[in-house]
Amino acid sequence: MSFEDELARARDLDTSKLADAIETMGFECTRCGACCKAADGPDGHEDHTATVFPDEVRDLQDATGREWRDVARPMPYGVEPGPDGPTGETFEWALETTGCGDCSFYTERDGTGACTVHEDRPLICRTYPFSVALDGTNQPMGAAVDRVGAVRAHECEGLGRDIDRADAEALAGALKTRAVRELEEAIAVQDRYEPAPDADGVVVHDSEGAKRPDGTRLDGEDERASDE
């Protein structure tokens, strides 16, 4: 099935049914911070990887005053170490991490976690621990542990707790929005992709074109200026 077909399915998702599924599985954030921190996986230590769209990076820039490279980093898949630094081509951005691999926007006090950009957090963070089971949509870090209808639940200690219907509906709406956005991004990346074998270092191909790790376009265009 093509991305376009999956996008049509995503746009037809019934948010009421998504909310029903979320209610069935139940969820309440316990602020444990597990979804914001590095994890120990089958291959050892794994840095936090949360996918972020280009416009979400700019929103976080506006909210924090940080530079692009302090908000997001190239998704590590496809990137390899080289004699002069990392090299390779990748197709997504991930939220920047600290030296220990945790999300750079995560903070913890007395064992209770908090997001320092909670009101501006990306869709993947707003919808965790849930994802939609469509080809071309991303699964957050952690294997799916439950599924009801089109909704998958990923490992989280907050699962199984009562959730208010209004909160379930809000989460369902964000989940549908995220599914649509992920497929729109995938289609745009596919349409705009041009290999960049002669580019030095790392190249990120996103829906706006090929970029360097600092968010500047390889073609020299200023995406923020063109948006305005």
N, C-alpha and C. Protein backbone atom coordinates (compact mmCIF):
# COMPACT_ATOMS: atom_id res chain seq x y z
N MET A 1 0.85 -1.19 0.00
CA MET A 1 0.00 0.00 0.00
C MET A 1 0.89 1.25 0.00
N SER A 2 0.55 2.23 -0.83
CA SER A 2 1.36 3.43 -0.95
C SER A 2 1.15 4.37 0.23
N PHE A 3 2.09 5.32 0.39
CA PHE A 3 1.93 6.33 1.43
C PHE A 3 0.64 7.12 1.23
N GLU A 4 0.30 7.38 -0.05
CA GLU A 4 -0.92 8.13 -0.34
C GLU A 4 -2.17 7.38 0.12
N ASP A 5 -2.17 6.07 -0.08
CA ASP A 5 -3.29 5.26 0.38
C ASP A 5 -3.38 5.28 1.91
N GLU A 6 -2.21 5.17 2.56
CA GLU A 6 -2.19 5.19 4.02
C GLU A 6 -2.61 6.56 4.55
N LEU A 7 -2.24 7.62 3.83
CA LEU A 7 -2.65 8.96 4.24
C LEU A 7 -4.17 9.10 4.19
N ALA A 8 -4.77 8.55 3.16
CA ALA A 8 -6.24 8.58 3.07
C ALA A 8 -6.86 7.84 4.25
N ARG A 9 -6.27 6.71 4.63
CA ARG A 9 -6.76 5.95 5.79
C ARG A 9 -6.60 6.77 7.07
N ALA A 10 -5.47 7.45 7.19
CA ALA A 10 -5.23 8.25 8.39
C ALA A 10 -6.24 9.38 8.51
N ARG A 11 -6.54 10.02 7.39
CA ARG A 11 -7.50 11.13 7.39
C ARG A 11 -8.91 10.65 7.70
N ASP A 12 -9.18 9.36 7.44
CA ASP A 12 -10.51 8.79 7.70
C ASP A 12 -10.63 8.18 9.09
N LEU A 13 -9.56 8.23 9.89
CA LEU A 13 -9.63 7.65 11.23
C LEU A 13 -10.73 8.32 12.04
N ASP A 14 -11.49 7.52 12.74
CA ASP A 14 -12.58 8.00 13.58
C ASP A 14 -12.01 8.29 14.97
N THR A 15 -11.92 9.57 15.35
CA THR A 15 -11.32 9.92 16.64
C THR A 15 -12.13 9.37 17.81
N SER A 16 -13.43 9.18 17.61
CA SER A 16 -14.25 8.61 18.67
C SER A 16 -13.82 7.16 18.95
N LYS A 17 -13.54 6.41 17.87
CA LYS A 17 -13.08 5.03 18.04
C LYS A 17 -11.67 4.99 18.63
N LEU A 18 -10.84 5.95 18.24
CA LEU A 18 -9.50 6.02 18.84
C LEU A 18 -9.62 6.30 20.34
N ALA A 19 -10.52 7.20 20.70
CA ALA A 19 -10.73 7.50 22.11
C ALA A 19 -11.27 6.29 22.87
N ASP A 20 -12.16 5.52 22.21
CA ASP A 20 -12.67 4.29 22.84
C ASP A 20 -11.52 3.33 23.16
N ALA A 21 -10.60 3.21 22.20
CA ALA A 21 -9.46 2.30 22.38
C ALA A 21 -8.57 2.78 23.52
N ILE A 22 -8.33 4.08 23.58
CA ILE A 22 -7.50 4.64 24.65
C ILE A 22 -8.17 4.44 26.00
N GLU A 23 -9.49 4.64 26.05
CA GLU A 23 -10.23 4.40 27.30
C GLU A 23 -10.13 2.94 27.72
N THR A 24 -10.23 2.03 26.75
CA THR A 24 -10.17 0.60 27.06
C THR A 24 -8.82 0.24 27.68
N MET A 25 -7.76 0.77 27.12
CA MET A 25 -6.42 0.45 27.64
C MET A 25 -6.08 1.26 28.88
N GLY A 26 -6.61 2.48 28.96
CA GLY A 26 -6.39 3.32 30.12
C GLY A 26 -5.00 3.93 30.17
N PHE A 27 -4.92 5.15 30.68
CA PHE A 27 -3.61 5.80 30.79
C PHE A 27 -3.68 7.02 31.71
N GLU A 28 -2.65 7.16 32.52
CA GLU A 28 -2.42 8.39 33.28
C GLU A 28 -0.92 8.55 33.46
N CYS A 29 -0.39 9.70 33.08
CA CYS A 29 1.05 9.92 33.20
C CYS A 29 1.44 9.94 34.67
N THR A 30 2.47 9.16 35.02
CA THR A 30 2.96 9.11 36.39
C THR A 30 4.18 9.99 36.59
N ARG A 31 4.63 10.63 35.52
CA ARG A 31 5.81 11.50 35.54
C ARG A 31 7.06 10.74 35.98
N CYS A 32 7.14 9.49 35.54
CA CYS A 32 8.32 8.68 35.86
C CYS A 32 9.52 9.08 35.01
N GLY A 33 9.27 9.69 33.84
CA GLY A 33 10.34 10.15 32.97
C GLY A 33 10.92 9.09 32.05
N ALA A 34 10.40 7.87 32.11
CA ALA A 34 10.98 6.80 31.30
C ALA A 34 10.93 7.09 29.81
N CYS A 35 9.88 7.77 29.35
CA CYS A 35 9.74 8.06 27.93
C CYS A 35 10.62 9.21 27.47
N CYS A 36 11.29 9.88 28.42
CA CYS A 36 12.13 11.04 28.10
C CYS A 36 13.62 10.74 28.29
N LYS A 37 13.91 9.54 28.77
CA LYS A 37 15.29 9.22 29.13
C LYS A 37 15.87 8.12 28.25
N ALA A 38 17.19 8.04 28.24
CA ALA A 38 17.87 6.95 27.54
C ALA A 38 17.44 5.63 28.16
N ALA A 39 17.57 4.58 27.38
CA ALA A 39 17.14 3.26 27.85
C ALA A 39 18.21 2.23 27.56
N ASP A 40 18.15 1.12 28.26
CA ASP A 40 19.02 -0.02 27.99
C ASP A 40 18.25 -1.00 27.14
N GLY A 41 18.66 -1.13 25.89
CA GLY A 41 17.98 -2.02 24.96
C GLY A 41 18.78 -3.27 24.68
N PRO A 42 18.33 -4.07 23.72
CA PRO A 42 19.02 -5.32 23.39
C PRO A 42 20.44 -5.10 22.89
N ASP A 43 20.71 -3.92 22.33
CA ASP A 43 22.05 -3.60 21.83
C ASP A 43 22.83 -2.72 22.80
N GLY A 44 22.34 -2.65 24.02
CA GLY A 44 23.02 -1.83 25.02
C GLY A 44 22.36 -0.48 25.19
N HIS A 45 23.13 0.53 25.56
CA HIS A 45 22.60 1.86 25.83
C HIS A 45 22.00 2.48 24.57
N GLU A 46 20.80 3.02 24.68
CA GLU A 46 20.14 3.66 23.55
C GLU A 46 19.72 5.07 23.95
N ASP A 47 20.27 6.07 23.25
CA ASP A 47 19.87 7.44 23.51
C ASP A 47 18.39 7.63 23.20
N HIS A 48 17.78 8.58 23.88
CA HIS A 48 16.39 8.95 23.63
C HIS A 48 16.24 9.40 22.18
N THR A 49 15.24 8.89 21.47
CA THR A 49 14.98 9.31 20.10
C THR A 49 13.50 9.60 19.94
N ALA A 50 13.15 10.86 19.87
CA ALA A 50 11.77 11.28 19.64
C ALA A 50 11.72 12.10 18.36
N THR A 51 10.98 11.61 17.38
CA THR A 51 10.90 12.28 16.08
C THR A 51 10.23 13.65 16.21
N VAL A 52 10.80 14.64 15.52
CA VAL A 52 10.25 15.99 15.57
C VAL A 52 10.20 16.54 14.15
N PHE A 53 9.08 17.17 13.79
CA PHE A 53 8.91 17.75 12.46
C PHE A 53 9.65 19.09 12.38
N PRO A 54 10.04 19.52 11.17
CA PRO A 54 10.77 20.78 11.03
C PRO A 54 10.05 21.98 11.65
N ASP A 55 8.74 22.08 11.45
CA ASP A 55 8.02 23.23 12.02
C ASP A 55 7.97 23.14 13.55
N GLU A 56 8.00 21.91 14.09
CA GLU A 56 8.02 21.75 15.55
C GLU A 56 9.38 22.20 16.10
N VAL A 57 10.44 21.96 15.33
CA VAL A 57 11.76 22.45 15.75
C VAL A 57 11.72 23.97 15.86
N ARG A 58 11.14 24.63 14.86
CA ARG A 58 11.07 26.10 14.89
C ARG A 58 10.20 26.60 16.03
N ASP A 59 9.11 25.89 16.31
CA ASP A 59 8.27 26.27 17.46
C ASP A 59 9.08 26.21 18.76
N LEU A 60 9.90 25.15 18.90
CA LEU A 60 10.71 25.03 20.10
C LEU A 60 11.82 26.08 20.13
N GLN A 61 12.33 26.45 18.97
CA GLN A 61 13.30 27.55 18.91
C GLN A 61 12.66 28.83 19.43
N ASP A 62 11.45 29.11 18.97
CA ASP A 62 10.76 30.32 19.39
C ASP A 62 10.47 30.29 20.89
N ALA A 63 10.13 29.11 21.40
CA ALA A 63 9.77 28.99 22.81
C ALA A 63 10.98 29.08 23.74
N THR A 64 12.14 28.67 23.24
CA THR A 64 13.31 28.57 24.11
C THR A 64 14.44 29.53 23.79
N GLY A 65 14.45 30.06 22.57
CA GLY A 65 15.56 30.91 22.15
C GLY A 65 16.80 30.12 21.76
N ARG A 66 16.67 28.80 21.66
CA ARG A 66 17.81 27.96 21.30
C ARG A 66 18.04 27.95 19.79
N GLU A 67 19.27 27.62 19.41
CA GLU A 67 19.59 27.39 18.00
C GLU A 67 19.02 26.03 17.58
N TRP A 68 18.89 25.85 16.26
CA TRP A 68 18.34 24.60 15.73
C TRP A 68 19.08 23.39 16.29
N ARG A 69 20.42 23.41 16.23
CA ARG A 69 21.19 22.24 16.64
C ARG A 69 21.08 21.97 18.15
N ASP A 70 20.58 22.94 18.92
CA ASP A 70 20.36 22.73 20.35
C ASP A 70 18.96 22.21 20.65
N VAL A 71 18.12 22.19 19.63
CA VAL A 71 16.75 21.67 19.75
C VAL A 71 16.66 20.25 19.18
N ALA A 72 17.26 20.06 18.00
CA ALA A 72 17.12 18.79 17.29
C ALA A 72 18.46 18.33 16.74
N ARG A 73 18.55 17.04 16.53
CA ARG A 73 19.74 16.44 15.94
C ARG A 73 19.30 15.49 14.84
N PRO A 74 20.20 15.17 13.90
CA PRO A 74 19.83 14.17 12.87
C PRO A 74 19.49 12.84 13.53
N MET A 75 18.42 12.21 13.08
CA MET A 75 18.11 10.87 13.56
C MET A 75 19.32 9.98 13.27
N PRO A 76 19.80 9.22 14.25
CA PRO A 76 21.07 8.51 14.07
C PRO A 76 21.05 7.38 13.04
N TYR A 77 19.88 6.90 12.65
CA TYR A 77 19.81 5.79 11.71
C TYR A 77 20.30 6.24 10.33
N GLY A 78 21.36 5.59 9.84
CA GLY A 78 21.97 5.99 8.57
C GLY A 78 23.20 6.84 8.74
N VAL A 79 23.49 7.24 9.97
CA VAL A 79 24.67 8.05 10.26
C VAL A 79 25.76 7.16 10.83
N GLU A 80 26.99 7.31 10.30
CA GLU A 80 28.12 6.49 10.73
C GLU A 80 29.28 7.39 11.15
N PRO A 81 30.09 6.92 12.09
CA PRO A 81 31.27 7.70 12.46
C PRO A 81 32.29 7.70 11.32
N GLY A 82 32.99 8.81 11.15
CA GLY A 82 34.01 8.91 10.12
C GLY A 82 35.26 9.54 10.68
N PRO A 83 36.35 9.54 9.95
CA PRO A 83 37.62 10.10 10.44
C PRO A 83 37.53 11.58 10.78
N ASP A 84 36.62 12.30 10.10
CA ASP A 84 36.47 13.74 10.34
C ASP A 84 35.14 14.07 11.00
N GLY A 85 34.50 13.06 11.61
CA GLY A 85 33.21 13.28 12.25
C GLY A 85 32.14 12.43 11.61
N PRO A 86 30.91 12.48 12.13
CA PRO A 86 29.82 11.67 11.60
C PRO A 86 29.54 11.98 10.13
N THR A 87 29.07 10.98 9.41
CA THR A 87 28.76 11.16 8.00
C THR A 87 27.57 10.28 7.64
N GLY A 88 26.87 10.64 6.58
CA GLY A 88 25.75 9.83 6.13
C GLY A 88 24.51 10.65 5.87
N GLU A 89 23.48 9.98 5.38
CA GLU A 89 22.20 10.62 5.08
C GLU A 89 21.10 9.96 5.91
N THR A 90 20.25 10.78 6.50
CA THR A 90 19.13 10.28 7.29
C THR A 90 17.88 11.05 6.91
N PHE A 91 16.73 10.63 7.43
CA PHE A 91 15.46 11.15 6.91
C PHE A 91 14.54 11.72 7.98
N GLU A 92 15.05 11.93 9.17
CA GLU A 92 14.23 12.49 10.23
C GLU A 92 15.10 13.29 11.19
N TRP A 93 14.43 14.13 11.97
CA TRP A 93 15.07 14.83 13.08
C TRP A 93 14.60 14.21 14.39
N ALA A 94 15.49 14.21 15.37
CA ALA A 94 15.14 13.75 16.71
C ALA A 94 15.43 14.87 17.68
N LEU A 95 14.69 14.93 18.77
CA LEU A 95 14.97 15.92 19.80
C LEU A 95 16.40 15.75 20.30
N GLU A 96 17.07 16.86 20.57
CA GLU A 96 18.44 16.82 21.05
C GLU A 96 18.50 16.15 22.42
N THR A 97 19.62 15.53 22.70
CA THR A 97 19.79 14.83 23.96
C THR A 97 20.96 15.41 24.76
N THR A 98 20.98 15.07 26.03
CA THR A 98 22.09 15.46 26.90
C THR A 98 23.23 14.46 26.72
N GLY A 99 24.33 14.69 27.43
CA GLY A 99 25.46 13.80 27.35
C GLY A 99 25.16 12.38 27.78
N CYS A 100 24.14 12.22 28.65
CA CYS A 100 23.79 10.87 29.11
C CYS A 100 22.68 10.25 28.27
N GLY A 101 22.25 10.94 27.21
CA GLY A 101 21.27 10.37 26.29
C GLY A 101 19.83 10.71 26.57
N ASP A 102 19.55 11.50 27.63
CA ASP A 102 18.17 11.89 27.94
C ASP A 102 17.76 13.06 27.04
N CYS A 103 16.45 13.26 26.88
CA CYS A 103 15.96 14.42 26.15
C CYS A 103 16.48 15.69 26.83
N SER A 104 16.95 16.62 26.03
CA SER A 104 17.54 17.83 26.61
C SER A 104 16.50 18.73 27.27
N PHE A 105 15.21 18.46 27.03
CA PHE A 105 14.15 19.26 27.64
C PHE A 105 13.58 18.60 28.90
N TYR A 106 14.17 17.48 29.28
CA TYR A 106 13.68 16.76 30.46
C TYR A 106 14.42 17.21 31.70
N THR A 107 13.67 17.37 32.78
CA THR A 107 14.28 17.68 34.07
C THR A 107 13.63 16.81 35.14
N GLU A 108 14.34 16.61 36.21
CA GLU A 108 13.83 15.73 37.27
C GLU A 108 14.18 16.32 38.63
N ARG A 109 13.22 16.25 39.53
CA ARG A 109 13.45 16.73 40.89
C ARG A 109 12.78 15.78 41.88
N ASP A 110 13.57 15.27 42.81
CA ASP A 110 13.05 14.33 43.82
C ASP A 110 12.34 13.15 43.18
N GLY A 111 12.88 12.67 42.06
CA GLY A 111 12.33 11.50 41.41
C GLY A 111 11.12 11.74 40.53
N THR A 112 10.68 13.00 40.43
CA THR A 112 9.53 13.33 39.60
C THR A 112 9.99 14.07 38.35
N GLY A 113 9.61 13.56 37.18
CA GLY A 113 10.05 14.14 35.93
C GLY A 113 9.13 15.25 35.44
N ALA A 114 9.69 16.11 34.62
CA ALA A 114 8.92 17.21 34.03
C ALA A 114 9.53 17.60 32.69
N CYS A 115 8.68 18.07 31.80
CA CYS A 115 9.12 18.58 30.50
C CYS A 115 9.18 20.10 30.59
N THR A 116 10.33 20.67 30.27
CA THR A 116 10.50 22.12 30.38
C THR A 116 9.84 22.88 29.23
N VAL A 117 9.36 22.15 28.21
CA VAL A 117 8.65 22.78 27.08
C VAL A 117 7.29 22.09 26.90
N HIS A 118 6.64 21.78 27.99
CA HIS A 118 5.43 20.95 27.95
C HIS A 118 4.37 21.51 27.00
N GLU A 119 4.14 22.80 27.03
CA GLU A 119 3.10 23.40 26.19
C GLU A 119 3.48 23.38 24.71
N ASP A 120 4.76 23.25 24.40
CA ASP A 120 5.23 23.28 23.01
C ASP A 120 5.82 21.94 22.58
N ARG A 121 5.61 20.89 23.35
CA ARG A 121 6.21 19.60 23.04
C ARG A 121 5.66 19.04 21.72
N PRO A 122 6.48 18.26 21.01
CA PRO A 122 6.06 17.70 19.72
C PRO A 122 4.92 16.70 19.86
N LEU A 123 4.28 16.39 18.73
CA LEU A 123 3.15 15.48 18.72
C LEU A 123 3.50 14.10 19.24
N ILE A 124 4.70 13.61 18.95
CA ILE A 124 5.06 12.27 19.41
C ILE A 124 5.10 12.22 20.93
N CYS A 125 5.45 13.35 21.56
CA CYS A 125 5.47 13.41 23.03
C CYS A 125 4.05 13.56 23.57
N ARG A 126 3.23 14.33 22.87
CA ARG A 126 1.85 14.54 23.31
C ARG A 126 1.03 13.25 23.30
N THR A 127 1.40 12.32 22.42
CA THR A 127 0.60 11.13 22.22
C THR A 127 1.18 9.88 22.88
N TYR A 128 2.37 9.96 23.44
CA TYR A 128 2.95 8.79 24.09
C TYR A 128 2.09 8.39 25.27
N PRO A 129 1.84 7.08 25.49
CA PRO A 129 2.49 5.90 24.92
C PRO A 129 1.74 5.25 23.77
N PHE A 130 0.98 6.03 23.00
CA PHE A 130 0.16 5.44 21.95
C PHE A 130 0.68 5.78 20.56
N SER A 131 0.37 4.93 19.61
CA SER A 131 0.64 5.19 18.20
C SER A 131 -0.46 4.54 17.39
N VAL A 132 -0.56 4.92 16.11
CA VAL A 132 -1.57 4.36 15.21
C VAL A 132 -0.92 3.31 14.33
N ALA A 133 -1.58 2.19 14.17
CA ALA A 133 -1.03 1.07 13.40
C ALA A 133 -1.30 1.25 11.92
N LEU A 134 -0.57 2.15 11.28
CA LEU A 134 -0.62 2.34 9.84
C LEU A 134 0.79 2.31 9.30
N ASP A 135 0.98 1.76 8.11
CA ASP A 135 2.30 1.79 7.49
C ASP A 135 2.71 3.23 7.26
N GLY A 136 3.98 3.53 7.53
CA GLY A 136 4.48 4.88 7.32
C GLY A 136 4.37 5.77 8.53
N THR A 137 3.76 5.27 9.62
CA THR A 137 3.71 6.05 10.85
C THR A 137 4.73 5.48 11.83
N ASN A 138 5.24 6.33 12.70
CA ASN A 138 6.31 5.95 13.60
C ASN A 138 5.80 5.32 14.89
N GLN A 139 6.58 4.40 15.41
CA GLN A 139 6.35 3.87 16.75
C GLN A 139 7.33 4.53 17.69
N PRO A 140 6.87 5.01 18.83
CA PRO A 140 7.81 5.58 19.80
C PRO A 140 8.76 4.51 20.32
N MET A 141 9.81 4.94 21.02
CA MET A 141 10.76 3.99 21.58
C MET A 141 10.03 3.02 22.51
N GLY A 142 10.30 1.75 22.34
CA GLY A 142 9.65 0.73 23.16
C GLY A 142 8.66 -0.08 22.33
N ALA A 143 8.73 -1.37 22.46
CA ALA A 143 7.85 -2.25 21.69
C ALA A 143 6.39 -2.09 22.11
N ALA A 144 5.48 -2.35 21.17
CA ALA A 144 4.05 -2.31 21.49
C ALA A 144 3.71 -3.45 22.44
N VAL A 145 2.96 -3.13 23.49
CA VAL A 145 2.59 -4.14 24.48
C VAL A 145 1.10 -4.45 24.47
N ASP A 146 0.32 -3.65 23.73
CA ASP A 146 -1.12 -3.88 23.65
C ASP A 146 -1.63 -3.20 22.39
N ARG A 147 -2.77 -3.64 21.94
CA ARG A 147 -3.40 -3.01 20.77
C ARG A 147 -4.90 -3.20 20.86
N VAL A 148 -5.63 -2.12 20.60
CA VAL A 148 -7.08 -2.16 20.50
C VAL A 148 -7.45 -1.41 19.22
N GLY A 149 -8.04 -2.11 18.26
CA GLY A 149 -8.35 -1.49 16.99
C GLY A 149 -7.08 -1.00 16.32
N ALA A 150 -7.07 0.26 15.92
CA ALA A 150 -5.92 0.83 15.23
C ALA A 150 -4.89 1.42 16.19
N VAL A 151 -5.15 1.36 17.48
CA VAL A 151 -4.28 2.01 18.46
C VAL A 151 -3.35 1.00 19.13
N ARG A 152 -2.06 1.29 19.07
CA ARG A 152 -1.07 0.49 19.78
C ARG A 152 -0.65 1.23 21.04
N ALA A 153 -0.39 0.47 22.09
CA ALA A 153 0.15 1.03 23.34
C ALA A 153 1.56 0.51 23.52
N HIS A 154 2.45 1.40 23.94
CA HIS A 154 3.85 1.05 24.13
C HIS A 154 4.18 1.06 25.62
N GLU A 155 5.25 0.39 25.95
CA GLU A 155 5.59 0.18 27.35
C GLU A 155 5.58 1.48 28.15
N CYS A 156 4.80 1.50 29.21
CA CYS A 156 4.67 2.69 30.05
C CYS A 156 3.97 2.28 31.34
N GLU A 157 4.49 2.73 32.47
CA GLU A 157 3.87 2.34 33.74
C GLU A 157 2.53 3.03 33.97
N GLY A 158 2.21 4.03 33.15
CA GLY A 158 0.93 4.71 33.29
C GLY A 158 -0.23 4.01 32.62
N LEU A 159 0.05 2.97 31.83
CA LEU A 159 -1.02 2.22 31.17
C LEU A 159 -1.87 1.48 32.19
N GLY A 160 -3.16 1.29 31.86
CA GLY A 160 -4.06 0.55 32.73
C GLY A 160 -4.73 1.40 33.78
N ARG A 161 -4.43 2.68 33.81
CA ARG A 161 -5.06 3.58 34.78
C ARG A 161 -6.26 4.27 34.15
N ASP A 162 -7.21 4.64 34.97
CA ASP A 162 -8.42 5.29 34.47
C ASP A 162 -8.08 6.60 33.77
N ILE A 163 -8.78 6.87 32.68
CA ILE A 163 -8.60 8.12 31.95
C ILE A 163 -9.96 8.74 31.71
N ASP A 164 -10.05 10.02 31.93
CA ASP A 164 -11.28 10.78 31.70
C ASP A 164 -11.60 10.78 30.20
N ARG A 165 -12.89 10.73 29.86
CA ARG A 165 -13.29 10.68 28.45
C ARG A 165 -12.78 11.90 27.69
N ALA A 166 -12.86 13.07 28.30
CA ALA A 166 -12.39 14.28 27.62
C ALA A 166 -10.90 14.19 27.33
N ASP A 167 -10.12 13.64 28.27
CA ASP A 167 -8.69 13.49 28.06
C ASP A 167 -8.41 12.45 26.97
N ALA A 168 -9.22 11.38 26.95
CA ALA A 168 -9.06 10.36 25.92
C ALA A 168 -9.35 10.93 24.53
N GLU A 169 -10.37 11.78 24.45
CA GLU A 169 -10.73 12.38 23.16
C GLU A 169 -9.65 13.36 22.70
N ALA A 170 -9.08 14.13 23.64
CA ALA A 170 -8.02 15.06 23.29
C ALA A 170 -6.79 14.30 22.80
N LEU A 171 -6.48 13.20 23.47
CA LEU A 171 -5.34 12.38 23.08
C LEU A 171 -5.59 11.74 21.72
N ALA A 172 -6.83 11.30 21.50
CA ALA A 172 -7.19 10.69 20.22
C ALA A 172 -7.05 11.69 19.07
N GLY A 173 -7.47 12.92 19.31
CA GLY A 173 -7.34 13.95 18.29
C GLY A 173 -5.89 14.21 17.94
N ALA A 174 -5.03 14.28 18.95
CA ALA A 174 -3.61 14.49 18.72
C ALA A 174 -3.00 13.30 18.00
N LEU A 175 -3.48 12.10 18.33
CA LEU A 175 -2.97 10.88 17.71
C LEU A 175 -3.29 10.85 16.22
N LYS A 176 -4.51 11.24 15.87
CA LYS A 176 -4.88 11.29 14.44
C LYS A 176 -4.06 12.35 13.73
N THR A 177 -3.92 13.52 14.34
CA THR A 177 -3.13 14.58 13.73
C THR A 177 -1.71 14.11 13.47
N ARG A 178 -1.14 13.42 14.46
CA ARG A 178 0.23 12.92 14.31
C ARG A 178 0.34 11.91 13.17
N ALA A 179 -0.63 10.98 13.07
CA ALA A 179 -0.61 9.98 12.01
C ALA A 179 -0.64 10.64 10.64
N VAL A 180 -1.51 11.65 10.49
CA VAL A 180 -1.60 12.38 9.22
C VAL A 180 -0.30 13.11 8.94
N ARG A 181 0.23 13.80 9.92
CA ARG A 181 1.46 14.57 9.74
C ARG A 181 2.63 13.67 9.36
N GLU A 182 2.75 12.51 10.00
CA GLU A 182 3.86 11.61 9.69
C GLU A 182 3.81 11.12 8.25
N LEU A 183 2.61 10.83 7.76
CA LEU A 183 2.48 10.37 6.39
C LEU A 183 2.68 11.51 5.39
N GLU A 184 2.20 12.70 5.72
CA GLU A 184 2.45 13.86 4.86
C GLU A 184 3.95 14.13 4.77
N GLU A 185 4.63 14.01 5.90
CA GLU A 185 6.08 14.21 5.92
C GLU A 185 6.77 13.15 5.06
N ALA A 186 6.37 11.89 5.20
CA ALA A 186 6.99 10.81 4.43
C ALA A 186 6.81 11.03 2.92
N ILE A 187 5.62 11.48 2.53
CA ILE A 187 5.35 11.73 1.10
C ILE A 187 6.21 12.88 0.60
N ALA A 188 6.30 13.96 1.37
CA ALA A 188 7.09 15.12 0.97
C ALA A 188 8.58 14.77 0.88
N VAL A 189 9.07 13.98 1.84
CA VAL A 189 10.47 13.54 1.79
C VAL A 189 10.71 12.72 0.54
N GLN A 190 9.81 11.80 0.26
CA GLN A 190 9.94 10.95 -0.93
C GLN A 190 9.95 11.78 -2.20
N ASP A 191 9.07 12.77 -2.28
CA ASP A 191 8.95 13.60 -3.48
C ASP A 191 10.17 14.50 -3.67
N ARG A 192 10.77 14.96 -2.57
CA ARG A 192 11.85 15.95 -2.68
C ARG A 192 13.23 15.33 -2.59
N TYR A 193 13.29 14.06 -2.30
CA TYR A 193 14.60 13.45 -2.06
C TYR A 193 15.51 13.45 -3.29
N GLU A 194 16.71 13.95 -3.08
CA GLU A 194 17.78 13.85 -4.07
C GLU A 194 19.04 13.45 -3.33
N PRO A 195 19.70 12.36 -3.72
CA PRO A 195 20.91 11.94 -3.02
C PRO A 195 21.94 13.07 -2.96
N ALA A 196 22.68 13.10 -1.87
CA ALA A 196 23.70 14.15 -1.69
C ALA A 196 25.04 13.48 -1.37
N PRO A 197 25.56 12.66 -2.31
CA PRO A 197 26.79 11.90 -2.02
C PRO A 197 28.02 12.76 -1.84
N ASP A 198 28.01 13.97 -2.38
CA ASP A 198 29.21 14.82 -2.31
C ASP A 198 29.17 15.80 -1.13
N ALA A 199 28.08 15.77 -0.36
CA ALA A 199 27.97 16.68 0.78
C ALA A 199 28.87 16.19 1.91
N ASP A 200 29.52 17.13 2.57
CA ASP A 200 30.37 16.76 3.70
C ASP A 200 29.52 16.50 4.94
N GLY A 201 29.91 15.51 5.72
CA GLY A 201 29.25 15.26 7.00
C GLY A 201 27.88 14.63 6.84
N VAL A 202 26.95 15.06 7.67
CA VAL A 202 25.62 14.47 7.74
C VAL A 202 24.61 15.33 6.99
N VAL A 203 23.73 14.69 6.26
CA VAL A 203 22.64 15.37 5.57
C VAL A 203 21.32 14.79 6.06
N VAL A 204 20.38 15.67 6.40
CA VAL A 204 19.04 15.24 6.81
C VAL A 204 18.06 15.63 5.71
N HIS A 205 17.36 14.64 5.18
CA HIS A 205 16.34 14.90 4.16
C HIS A 205 14.99 14.96 4.87
N ASP A 206 14.38 16.15 4.90
CA ASP A 206 13.05 16.27 5.49
C ASP A 206 12.08 16.83 4.46
N SER A 207 10.88 17.18 4.87
CA SER A 207 9.85 17.62 3.92
C SER A 207 10.17 18.94 3.25
N GLU A 208 11.17 19.65 3.77
CA GLU A 208 11.54 20.95 3.21
C GLU A 208 12.78 20.87 2.32
N GLY A 209 13.40 19.71 2.25
CA GLY A 209 14.60 19.56 1.44
C GLY A 209 15.76 18.99 2.24
N ALA A 210 16.93 19.02 1.66
CA ALA A 210 18.13 18.49 2.32
C ALA A 210 18.74 19.57 3.21
N LYS A 211 19.08 19.18 4.45
CA LYS A 211 19.61 20.14 5.40
C LYS A 211 20.89 19.63 6.06
N ARG A 212 21.65 20.58 6.56
CA ARG A 212 22.80 20.26 7.39
C ARG A 212 22.33 20.07 8.83
N PRO A 213 23.17 19.53 9.71
CA PRO A 213 22.75 19.30 11.09
C PRO A 213 22.34 20.56 11.85
N ASP A 214 22.76 21.74 11.38
CA ASP A 214 22.34 22.97 12.05
C ASP A 214 21.02 23.51 11.50
N GLY A 215 20.38 22.75 10.61
CA GLY A 215 19.08 23.14 10.09
C GLY A 215 19.12 23.99 8.84
N THR A 216 20.29 24.40 8.39
CA THR A 216 20.38 25.21 7.16
C THR A 216 20.24 24.31 5.94
N ARG A 217 19.64 24.85 4.90
CA ARG A 217 19.40 24.08 3.69
C ARG A 217 20.67 23.95 2.86
N LEU A 218 20.87 22.82 2.24
CA LEU A 218 22.02 22.62 1.37
C LEU A 218 21.96 23.55 0.16
N ASP A 219 20.74 23.89 -0.27
CA ASP A 219 20.60 24.75 -1.44
C ASP A 219 20.72 26.23 -1.09
N GLY A 220 20.93 26.52 0.21
CA GLY A 220 21.15 27.90 0.61
C GLY A 220 19.90 28.70 0.91
N GLU A 221 18.71 28.12 0.67
CA GLU A 221 17.48 28.85 0.94
C GLU A 221 17.23 28.94 2.45
N ASP A 222 16.57 30.00 2.86
CA ASP A 222 16.20 30.20 4.26
C ASP A 222 14.74 29.79 4.41
N GLU A 223 14.50 28.60 5.01
CA GLU A 223 13.14 28.09 5.08
C GLU A 223 12.25 28.96 5.94
N ARG A 224 12.77 29.51 7.05
CA ARG A 224 11.96 30.36 7.91
C ARG A 224 11.53 31.62 7.16
N ALA A 225 12.46 32.19 6.38
CA ALA A 225 12.12 33.39 5.62
C ALA A 225 11.08 33.10 4.55
N SER A 226 11.20 31.93 3.89
CA SER A 226 10.24 31.59 2.85
C SER A 226 8.88 31.32 3.43
N ASP A 227 8.83 30.81 4.68
CA ASP A 227 7.54 30.58 5.35
C ASP A 227 6.83 31.89 5.61
N GLU A 228 7.61 32.92 5.87
CA GLU A 228 7.01 34.21 6.19
C GLU A 228 6.54 34.93 4.94
